[in-house]
C-alpha atoms as a PDB file:
ATOM      1  CA  MET A   1      98.616  75.597 152.731  1.00  0.00           C
ATOM      2  CA  ASN A   2      99.225  74.263 149.236  1.00  0.00           C
ATOM      3  CA  VAL A   3      95.955  75.804 148.074  1.00  0.00           C
ATOM      4  CA  PHE A   4      96.989  79.151 149.621  1.00  0.00           C
ATOM      5  CA  ASN A   5     100.410  78.970 147.973  1.00  0.00           C
ATOM      6  CA  GLY A   6      98.799  78.094 144.659  1.00  0.00           C
ATOM      7  CA  ILE A   7      96.374  81.026 144.776  1.00  0.00           C
ATOM      8  CA  PHE A   8      99.087  83.393 146.037  1.00  0.00           C
ATOM      9  CA  GLY A   9     101.484  82.203 143.335  1.00  0.00           C
ATOM     10  CA  GLU A  10      98.888  82.734 140.616  1.00  0.00           C
ATOM     11  CA  ARG A  11      98.231  86.263 141.869  1.00  0.00           C
ATOM     12  CA  ILE A  12     101.953  87.057 141.877  1.00  0.00           C
ATOM     13  CA  PHE A  13     102.297  85.676 138.360  1.00  0.00           C
ATOM     14  CA  LYS A  14      99.276  87.651 137.134  1.00  0.00           C
ATOM     15  CA  ALA A  15     100.508  90.839 138.773  1.00  0.00           C
ATOM     16  CA  ALA A  16     103.979  90.433 137.239  1.00  0.00           C
ATOM     17  CA  THR A  17     102.707  89.888 133.703  1.00  0.00           C
ATOM     18  CA  LEU A  18     100.133  92.691 133.940  1.00  0.00           C
ATOM     19  CA  SER A  19     102.764  95.030 135.356  1.00  0.00           C
ATOM     20  CA  ALA A  20     104.974  94.474 132.319  1.00  0.00           C
ATOM     21  CA  LEU A  21     102.034  95.154 130.004  1.00  0.00           C
ATOM     22  CA  ILE A  22     100.926  98.260 131.902  1.00  0.00           C
ATOM     23  CA  PHE A  23     104.489  99.613 131.984  1.00  0.00           C
ATOM     24  CA  PHE A  24     104.847  99.267 128.223  1.00  0.00           C
ATOM     25  CA  ILE A  25     101.426 100.824 127.531  1.00  0.00           C
ATOM     26  CA  LEU A  26     102.158 103.743 129.858  1.00  0.00           C
ATOM     27  CA  PHE A  27     105.509 104.217 128.116  1.00  0.00           C
ATOM     28  CA  LEU A  28     103.793 104.482 124.707  1.00  0.00           C
ATOM     29  CA  VAL A  29     100.999 106.695 126.013  1.00  0.00           C
ATOM     30  CA  GLY A  30     103.567 108.920 127.721  1.00  0.00           C
ATOM     31  CA  ILE A  31     105.381 109.476 124.431  1.00  0.00           C
ATOM     32  CA  VAL A  32     102.171 110.423 122.631  1.00  0.00           C
ATOM     33  CA  VAL A  33     101.010 112.691 125.471  1.00  0.00           C
ATOM     34  CA  SER A  34     104.370 114.454 125.531  1.00  0.00           C
ATOM     35  CA  MET A  35     104.000 115.291 121.828  1.00  0.00           C
ATOM     36  CA  ILE A  36     100.418 116.485 122.300  1.00  0.00           C
ATOM     37  CA  CYS A  37     101.495 118.767 125.153  1.00  0.00           C
ATOM     38  CA  TYR A  38     104.423 120.113 123.140  1.00  0.00           C
ATOM     39  CA  ILE A  39     102.269 121.677 120.405  1.00  0.00           C
ATOM     40  CA  SER A  40      99.229 123.922 120.772  1.00  0.00           C
ATOM     41  CA  SER A  41      95.953 123.035 119.084  1.00  0.00           C
ATOM     42  CA  ASP A  42      96.034 126.224 116.997  1.00  0.00           C
ATOM     43  CA  ARG A  43      99.538 125.460 115.746  1.00  0.00           C
ATOM     44  CA  PHE A  44      98.540 121.864 114.970  1.00  0.00           C
ATOM     45  CA  ILE A  45      95.503 122.961 112.947  1.00  0.00           C
ATOM     46  CA  SER A  46      97.508 125.557 111.026  1.00  0.00           C
ATOM     47  CA  ILE A  47     100.113 122.929 110.114  1.00  0.00           C
ATOM     48  CA  LEU A  48      97.456 120.345 109.270  1.00  0.00           C
ATOM     49  CA  PHE A  49      95.788 122.632 106.744  1.00  0.00           C
ATOM     50  CA  SER A  50      98.997 124.052 105.292  1.00  0.00           C
ATOM     51  CA  LYS A  51      99.541 123.526 101.576  1.00  0.00           C
ATOM     52  CA  GLU A  52     102.643 121.381 102.113  1.00  0.00           C
ATOM     53  CA  ILE A  53     101.095 118.986 104.629  1.00  0.00           C
ATOM     54  CA  ILE A  54      97.891 118.591 102.607  1.00  0.00           C
ATOM     55  CA  PHE A  55     100.103 117.688  99.638  1.00  0.00           C
ATOM     56  CA  ALA A  56     102.012 115.162 101.781  1.00  0.00           C
ATOM     57  CA  ILE A  57      98.774 113.602 103.076  1.00  0.00           C
ATOM     58  CA  LYS A  58      97.300 113.278  99.583  1.00  0.00           C
ATOM     59  CA  LEU A  59     100.525 111.855  98.147  1.00  0.00           C
ATOM     60  CA  SER A  60     100.871 109.338 100.992  1.00  0.00           C
ATOM     61  CA  LEU A  61      97.272 108.148 100.656  1.00  0.00           C
ATOM     62  CA  ILE A  62      97.422 107.842  96.861  1.00  0.00           C
ATOM     63  CA  THR A  63     100.810 106.110  96.623  1.00  0.00           C
ATOM     64  CA  ALA A  64     100.101 103.739  99.524  1.00  0.00           C
ATOM     65  CA  THR A  65      96.733 102.778  98.047  1.00  0.00           C
ATOM     66  CA  ILE A  66      98.233 102.044  94.623  1.00  0.00           C
ATOM     67  CA  ALA A  67     101.119 100.086  96.168  1.00  0.00           C
ATOM     68  CA  VAL A  68      98.732  97.999  98.268  1.00  0.00           C
ATOM     69  CA  LEU A  69      96.364  97.327  95.361  1.00  0.00           C
ATOM     70  CA  ILE A  70      99.312  95.957  93.387  1.00  0.00           C
ATOM     71  CA  SER A  71     100.483  93.990  96.439  1.00  0.00           C
ATOM     72  CA  VAL A  72      97.020  92.476  96.938  1.00  0.00           C
ATOM     73  CA  ALA A  73      96.667  91.601  93.231  1.00  0.00           C
ATOM     74  CA  ILE A  74      99.956  89.707  93.399  1.00  0.00           C
ATOM     75  CA  GLY A  75      99.629  88.632  97.013  1.00  0.00           C
ATOM     76  CA  ILE A  76      96.375  86.663  96.792  1.00  0.00           C
ATOM     77  CA  PRO A  77      97.529  84.137  94.167  1.00  0.00           C
ATOM     78  CA  ALA A  78     101.064  84.044  95.611  1.00  0.00           C
ATOM     79  CA  ALA A  79      99.814  83.454  99.164  1.00  0.00           C
ATOM     80  CA  TYR A  80      97.367  80.818  97.945  1.00  0.00           C
ATOM     81  CA  ALA A  81     100.146  79.001  96.098  1.00  0.00           C
ATOM     82  CA  LEU A  82     102.401  79.012  99.173  1.00  0.00           C
ATOM     83  CA  SER A  83      99.589  77.854 101.431  1.00  0.00           C
ATOM     84  CA  GLN A  84      97.706  75.298  99.352  1.00  0.00           C
ATOM     85  CA  THR A  85     100.191  74.041  96.751  1.00  0.00           C
ATOM     86  CA  GLU A  86     103.150  71.732  97.189  1.00  0.00           C
ATOM     87  CA  PHE A  87     106.072  72.266  94.809  1.00  0.00           C
ATOM     88  CA  TRP A  88     109.834  71.834  94.672  1.00  0.00           C
ATOM     89  CA  GLY A  89     111.751  74.660  96.369  1.00  0.00           C
ATOM     90  CA  LYS A  90     108.788  75.846  98.420  1.00  0.00           C
ATOM     91  CA  ASP A  91     110.871  76.193 101.604  1.00  0.00           C
ATOM     92  CA  ILE A  92     113.478  78.238  99.741  1.00  0.00           C
ATOM     93  CA  ILE A  93     110.850  80.566  98.267  1.00  0.00           C
ATOM     94  CA  ASP A  94     109.160  80.869 101.652  1.00  0.00           C
ATOM     95  CA  THR A  95     112.504  81.936 103.150  1.00  0.00           C
ATOM     96  CA  ILE A  96     113.230  84.435 100.374  1.00  0.00           C
ATOM     97  CA  LEU A  97     109.791  85.933 100.975  1.00  0.00           C
ATOM     98  CA  ASP A  98     110.890  87.035 104.444  1.00  0.00           C
ATOM     99  CA  LEU A  99     113.909  88.991 103.166  1.00  0.00           C
ATOM    100  CA  PRO A 100     112.041  92.272 102.462  1.00  0.00           C
ATOM    101  CA  ILE A 101     110.534  92.014 105.957  1.00  0.00           C
ATOM    102  CA  VAL A 102     113.830  91.610 107.825  1.00  0.00           C
ATOM    103  CA  ILE A 103     116.141  93.668 105.598  1.00  0.00           C
ATOM    104  CA  SER A 104     116.403  97.385 106.329  1.00  0.00           C
ATOM    105  CA  PRO A 105     114.138  99.474 104.050  1.00  0.00           C
ATOM    106  CA  ILE A 106     117.111 101.744 103.319  1.00  0.00           C
ATOM    107  CA  ALA A 107     118.990  98.702 102.008  1.00  0.00           C
ATOM    108  CA  LEU A 108     116.026  97.810  99.800  1.00  0.00           C
ATOM    109  CA  GLY A 109     115.903 101.368  98.483  1.00  0.00           C
ATOM    110  CA  ALA A 110     119.644 101.323  97.796  1.00  0.00           C
ATOM    111  CA  ALA A 111     119.264  98.008  95.962  1.00  0.00           C
ATOM    112  CA  LEU A 112     116.525  99.517  93.788  1.00  0.00           C
ATOM    113  CA  LEU A 113     118.656 102.582  93.092  1.00  0.00           C
ATOM    114  CA  ILE A 114     121.563 100.365  92.044  1.00  0.00           C
ATOM    115  CA  PHE A 115     119.247  98.296  89.831  1.00  0.00           C
ATOM    116  CA  PHE A 116     118.180 101.394  87.906  1.00  0.00           C
ATOM    117  CA  SER A 117     121.830 102.201  87.237  1.00  0.00           C
ATOM    118  CA  THR A 118     122.286  98.874  85.387  1.00  0.00           C
ATOM    119  CA  PRO A 119     121.645  98.561  81.631  1.00  0.00           C
ATOM    120  CA  ILE A 120     118.259  96.926  82.241  1.00  0.00           C
ATOM    121  CA  GLY A 121     117.219  99.513  84.814  1.00  0.00           C
ATOM    122  CA  SER A 122     118.465 102.384  82.678  1.00  0.00           C
ATOM    123  CA  GLY A 123     116.472 101.009  79.744  1.00  0.00           C
ATOM    124  CA  ILE A 124     113.335 100.970  81.867  1.00  0.00           C
ATOM    125  CA  GLU A 125     114.015 104.558  82.936  1.00  0.00           C
ATOM    126  CA  GLU A 126     114.649 105.787  79.378  1.00  0.00           C
ATOM    127  CA  HIS A 127     112.002 103.867  77.449  1.00  0.00           C
ATOM    128  CA  GLY A 128     109.437 102.958  80.110  1.00  0.00           C
ATOM    129  CA  ILE A 129     108.489 104.486  83.445  1.00  0.00           C
ATOM    130  CA  LYS A 130     110.854 106.722  85.397  1.00  0.00           C
ATOM    131  CA  PHE A 131     111.237 105.705  89.036  1.00  0.00           C
ATOM    132  CA  VAL A 132     114.292 107.518  90.389  1.00  0.00           C
ATOM    133  CA  PHE A 133     113.453 110.743  92.268  1.00  0.00           C
ATOM    134  CA  VAL A 134     109.846 110.824  91.007  1.00  0.00           C
ATOM    135  CA  ILE A 135     106.451 109.738  92.375  1.00  0.00           C
ATOM    136  CA  PRO A 136     106.389 106.267  90.702  1.00  0.00           C
ATOM    137  CA  GLY A 137     109.544 105.576  92.714  1.00  0.00           C
ATOM    138  CA  ILE A 138     107.544 106.098  95.905  1.00  0.00           C
ATOM    139  CA  ILE A 139     104.992 103.519  94.776  1.00  0.00           C
ATOM    140  CA  LEU A 140     107.713 101.048  93.803  1.00  0.00           C
ATOM    141  CA  ALA A 141     109.549 101.519  97.106  1.00  0.00           C
ATOM    142  CA  GLN A 142     106.363 101.051  99.115  1.00  0.00           C
ATOM    143  CA  PHE A 143     105.440  97.980  97.065  1.00  0.00           C
ATOM    144  CA  VAL A 144     108.821  96.340  97.596  1.00  0.00           C
ATOM    145  CA  VAL A 145     108.686  96.958 101.344  1.00  0.00           C
ATOM    146  CA  VAL A 146     105.059  95.898 102.000  1.00  0.00           C
ATOM    147  CA  SER A 147     104.363  93.211  99.386  1.00  0.00           C
ATOM    148  CA  ALA A 148     106.134  90.443 101.307  1.00  0.00           C
ATOM    149  CA  LEU A 149     104.241  91.402 104.477  1.00  0.00           C
ATOM    150  CA  CYS A 150     100.986  91.320 102.509  1.00  0.00           C
ATOM    151  CA  ILE A 151     101.734  87.840 101.153  1.00  0.00           C
ATOM    152  CA  ARG A 152     102.766  86.566 104.577  1.00  0.00           C
ATOM    153  CA  LEU A 153      99.561  87.792 106.238  1.00  0.00           C
ATOM    154  CA  MET A 154      97.363  86.404 103.454  1.00  0.00           C
ATOM    155  CA  LYS A 155      99.174  83.074 103.570  1.00  0.00           C
ATOM    156  CA  SER A 156      98.307  82.813 107.273  1.00  0.00           C
ATOM    157  CA  THR A 157      94.650  83.393 106.387  1.00  0.00           C
ATOM    158  CA  PHE A 158      94.678  80.621 103.764  1.00  0.00           C
ATOM    159  CA  ASP A 159      96.550  78.339 106.197  1.00  0.00           C
ATOM    160  CA  ALA A 160      93.784  78.793 108.751  1.00  0.00           C
ATOM    161  CA  ILE A 161      91.116  77.833 106.212  1.00  0.00           C
ATOM    162  CA  GLY A 162      92.932  74.802 104.880  1.00  0.00           C
ATOM    163  CA  SER A 163      91.923  72.780 101.845  1.00  0.00           C
ATOM    164  CA  ARG A 164      89.057  70.714 103.250  1.00  0.00           C
ATOM    165  CA  TYR A 165      86.345  73.110 102.064  1.00  0.00           C
ATOM    166  CA  GLU A 166      87.703  73.109  98.529  1.00  0.00           C
ATOM    167  CA  ASP A 167      87.915  69.321  98.612  1.00  0.00           C
ATOM    168  CA  VAL A 168      84.236  69.138  99.527  1.00  0.00           C
ATOM    169  CA  ALA A 169      83.368  71.590  96.752  1.00  0.00           C
ATOM    170  CA  ARG A 170      85.339  69.486  94.259  1.00  0.00           C
ATOM    171  CA  THR A 171      83.346  66.390  95.228  1.00  0.00           C
ATOM    172  CA  LEU A 172      80.164  68.381  94.499  1.00  0.00           C
ATOM    173  CA  GLY A 173      81.250  69.119  90.952  1.00  0.00           C
ATOM    174  CA  CYS A 174      83.238  72.370  91.207  1.00  0.00           C
ATOM    175  CA  ASN A 175      86.507  72.675  89.325  1.00  0.00           C
ATOM    176  CA  LYS A 176      89.569  74.257  90.944  1.00  0.00           C
ATOM    177  CA  PHE A 177      88.736  77.826  89.891  1.00  0.00           C
ATOM    178  CA  GLN A 178      85.107  77.510  90.975  1.00  0.00           C
ATOM    179  CA  ALA A 179      86.136  76.096  94.353  1.00  0.00           C
ATOM    180  CA  LEU A 180      88.579  78.969  94.837  1.00  0.00           C
ATOM    181  CA  PHE A 181      86.183  81.774  93.908  1.00  0.00           C
ATOM    182  CA  LYS A 182      83.006  80.308  95.398  1.00  0.00           C
ATOM    183  CA  VAL A 183      84.395  78.763  98.579  1.00  0.00           C
ATOM    184  CA  THR A 184      87.913  79.748  99.650  1.00  0.00           C
ATOM    185  CA  LEU A 185      87.921  83.458  98.788  1.00  0.00           C
ATOM    186  CA  PRO A 186      84.543  84.163 100.455  1.00  0.00           C
ATOM    187  CA  LEU A 187      85.771  82.383 103.591  1.00  0.00           C
ATOM    188  CA  ALA A 188      89.046  84.323 103.473  1.00  0.00           C
ATOM    189  CA  LYS A 189      87.406  87.689 102.717  1.00  0.00           C
ATOM    190  CA  ASN A 190      87.728  89.221 106.186  1.00  0.00           C
ATOM    191  CA  GLY A 191      91.277  87.997 106.673  1.00  0.00           C
ATOM    192  CA  LEU A 192      92.365  89.279 103.268  1.00  0.00           C
ATOM    193  CA  LEU A 193      90.712  92.638 103.928  1.00  0.00           C
ATOM    194  CA  ALA A 194      92.417  92.957 107.303  1.00  0.00           C
ATOM    195  CA  ALA A 195      95.758  92.041 105.725  1.00  0.00           C
ATOM    196  CA  GLY A 196      95.217  94.732 103.098  1.00  0.00           C
ATOM    197  CA  ILE A 197      94.430  97.382 105.727  1.00  0.00           C
ATOM    198  CA  LEU A 198      97.463  96.472 107.823  1.00  0.00           C
ATOM    199  CA  THR A 199      99.664  96.520 104.719  1.00  0.00           C
ATOM    200  CA  TRP A 200      98.231  99.904 103.720  1.00  0.00           C
ATOM    201  CA  ALA A 201      99.011 101.345 107.151  1.00  0.00           C
ATOM    202  CA  ARG A 202     102.579 100.053 106.842  1.00  0.00           C
ATOM    203  CA  ALA A 203     102.911 101.609 103.375  1.00  0.00           C
ATOM    204  CA  ILE A 204     101.739 104.984 104.722  1.00  0.00           C
ATOM    205  CA  GLY A 205     104.613 104.971 107.213  1.00  0.00           C
ATOM    206  CA  GLU A 206     107.307 103.732 104.826  1.00  0.00           C
ATOM    207  CA  PHE A 207     110.376 105.997 104.766  1.00  0.00           C
ATOM    208  CA  GLY A 208     113.732 104.290 104.240  1.00  0.00           C
ATOM    209  CA  ALA A 209     113.290 102.827 100.748  1.00  0.00           C
ATOM    210  CA  THR A 210     111.233 105.836  99.628  1.00  0.00           C
ATOM    211  CA  VAL A 211     113.784 108.483 100.562  1.00  0.00           C
ATOM    212  CA  THR A 212     116.594 106.427  99.013  1.00  0.00           C
ATOM    213  CA  LEU A 213     114.881 105.819  95.669  1.00  0.00           C
ATOM    214  CA  ALA A 214     112.531 108.789  95.277  1.00  0.00           C
ATOM    215  CA  GLY A 215     114.442 111.369  97.280  1.00  0.00           C
ATOM    216  CA  ALA A 216     113.144 113.965  99.736  1.00  0.00           C
ATOM    217  CA  THR A 217     111.940 116.925  97.715  1.00  0.00           C
ATOM    218  CA  ALA A 218     109.293 119.170  99.257  1.00  0.00           C
ATOM    219  CA  MET A 219     106.021 119.340  97.307  1.00  0.00           C
ATOM    220  CA  LYS A 220     107.306 116.728  94.841  1.00  0.00           C
ATOM    221  CA  THR A 221     108.098 113.416  96.559  1.00  0.00           C
ATOM    222  CA  GLU A 222     107.063 114.518 100.044  1.00  0.00           C
ATOM    223  CA  THR A 223     105.074 111.828 101.789  1.00  0.00           C
ATOM    224  CA  LEU A 224     104.218 112.149 105.479  1.00  0.00           C
ATOM    225  CA  PRO A 225     107.372 110.349 106.736  1.00  0.00           C
ATOM    226  CA  ILE A 226     109.502 112.478 104.421  1.00  0.00           C
ATOM    227  CA  ALA A 227     107.706 115.580 105.737  1.00  0.00           C
ATOM    228  CA  ILE A 228     108.871 114.570 109.225  1.00  0.00           C
ATOM    229  CA  PHE A 229     112.429 114.157 107.933  1.00  0.00           C
ATOM    230  CA  LEU A 230     112.410 117.566 106.211  1.00  0.00           C
ATOM    231  CA  SER A 231     110.891 119.246 109.273  1.00  0.00           C
ATOM    232  CA  LEU A 232     113.552 117.854 111.587  1.00  0.00           C
ATOM    233  CA  ALA A 233     116.258 118.745 109.071  1.00  0.00           C
ATOM    234  CA  SER A 234     115.078 122.377 109.204  1.00  0.00           C
ATOM    235  CA  ALA A 235     114.723 122.245 113.027  1.00  0.00           C
ATOM    236  CA  ASP A 236     110.944 122.770 112.843  1.00  0.00           C
ATOM    237  CA  VAL A 237     110.101 120.458 115.735  1.00  0.00           C
ATOM    238  CA  GLU A 238     106.457 121.525 116.044  1.00  0.00           C
ATOM    239  CA  LYS A 239     105.824 120.724 112.389  1.00  0.00           C
ATOM    240  CA  ALA A 240     107.481 117.314 112.779  1.00  0.00           C
ATOM    241  CA  ILE A 241     105.331 116.569 115.840  1.00  0.00           C
ATOM    242  CA  ALA A 242     102.171 117.603 113.986  1.00  0.00           C
ATOM    243  CA  VAL A 243     102.964 115.221 111.133  1.00  0.00           C
ATOM    244  CA  ILE A 244     103.776 112.424 113.588  1.00  0.00           C
ATOM    245  CA  LEU A 245     100.385 112.940 115.239  1.00  0.00           C
ATOM    246  CA  ILE A 246      98.717 112.778 111.814  1.00  0.00           C
ATOM    247  CA  LEU A 247     100.436 109.433 111.184  1.00  0.00           C
ATOM    248  CA  ILE A 248      99.333 108.199 114.608  1.00  0.00           C
ATOM    249  CA  ILE A 249      95.727 109.156 113.830  1.00  0.00           C
ATOM    250  CA  ILE A 250      95.874 107.303 110.504  1.00  0.00           C
ATOM    251  CA  SER A 251      97.435 104.261 112.191  1.00  0.00           C
ATOM    252  CA  ILE A 252      94.874 104.171 115.008  1.00  0.00           C
ATOM    253  CA  THR A 253      92.042 104.481 112.486  1.00  0.00           C
ATOM    254  CA  SER A 254      93.477 101.560 110.513  1.00  0.00           C
ATOM    255  CA  LEU A 255      93.855  99.445 113.652  1.00  0.00           C
ATOM    256  CA  PHE A 256      90.279 100.182 114.713  1.00  0.00           C
ATOM    257  CA  ALA A 257      89.128  99.087 111.257  1.00  0.00           C
ATOM    258  CA  ILE A 258      91.019  95.822 111.712  1.00  0.00           C
ATOM    259  CA  ARG A 259      89.472  95.321 115.164  1.00  0.00           C
ATOM    260  CA  LYS A 260      86.045  95.914 113.614  1.00  0.00           C
ATOM    261  CA  ILE A 261      86.741  93.220 111.041  1.00  0.00           C
ATOM    262  CA  ALA A 262      87.994  90.963 113.835  1.00  0.00           C
ATOM    263  CA  GLY A 263      84.634  91.331 115.523  1.00  0.00           C
ATOM    264  CA  SER A 264      82.962  89.773 112.468  1.00  0.00           C
ATOM    265  CA  GLY A 265      85.368  86.853 112.498  1.00  0.00           C
ATOM    266  CA  TRP A 266      88.681  86.507 110.683  1.00  0.00           C
ATOM    267  CA  SER A 267      92.103  85.053 111.254  1.00  0.00           C
ATOM    268  CA  ILE A 268      95.621  86.001 110.256  1.00  0.00           C
END
């Protein structure tokens, strides 16, 4: 009887957990299917190859790539320091790092806009690079939003590796830099690459900080999320759905790339 109750209880538990998962997956699939059924294939193709959407795709890919390259260049040493180095105030810095992740992107964009109205920000605008309502503002907004996520993911990769391999390399005559570049980074390669892809996908979909700092001007600062915003603002629902489907395709492609990397072994 106890064995029967145990097996029956396990089946009930398994069915309950799987039911929750299946319900959520069907909910997501239902949303995507509803958008696919809403727009015809001919209309989707015509929107996809329109001058405006091609511009938005190119701008999104270029700005997100630049933002992620900057994030990775800063993120690798920053994540390594947080993971492998002990220093005063580490817990405080680790907490501050999470602020761009939990704060609304619109708030981050507003903070950037306010910064560029200060004497320092105005000086940068007048004598350096212009960021407000221009393309560099898109890159800056994407960087601010995704850089903390990039560092957090890379830190998890370095945490999983630990310091024991470097310690062994040091006993064999490597200095700190040699141990990092010859041991730790090769071991972390897949995890860092996956973190970069995930960060890139997040940058592609960034909207709040971008529209606040760079504005929403068609054929000027129009990324894919801004194209959705402009389409809905002009009541062009089919165009908005087409752009959403493009973003979904890009996201799925990125996730498949991460799964491919996962198959070769990595950890975040």
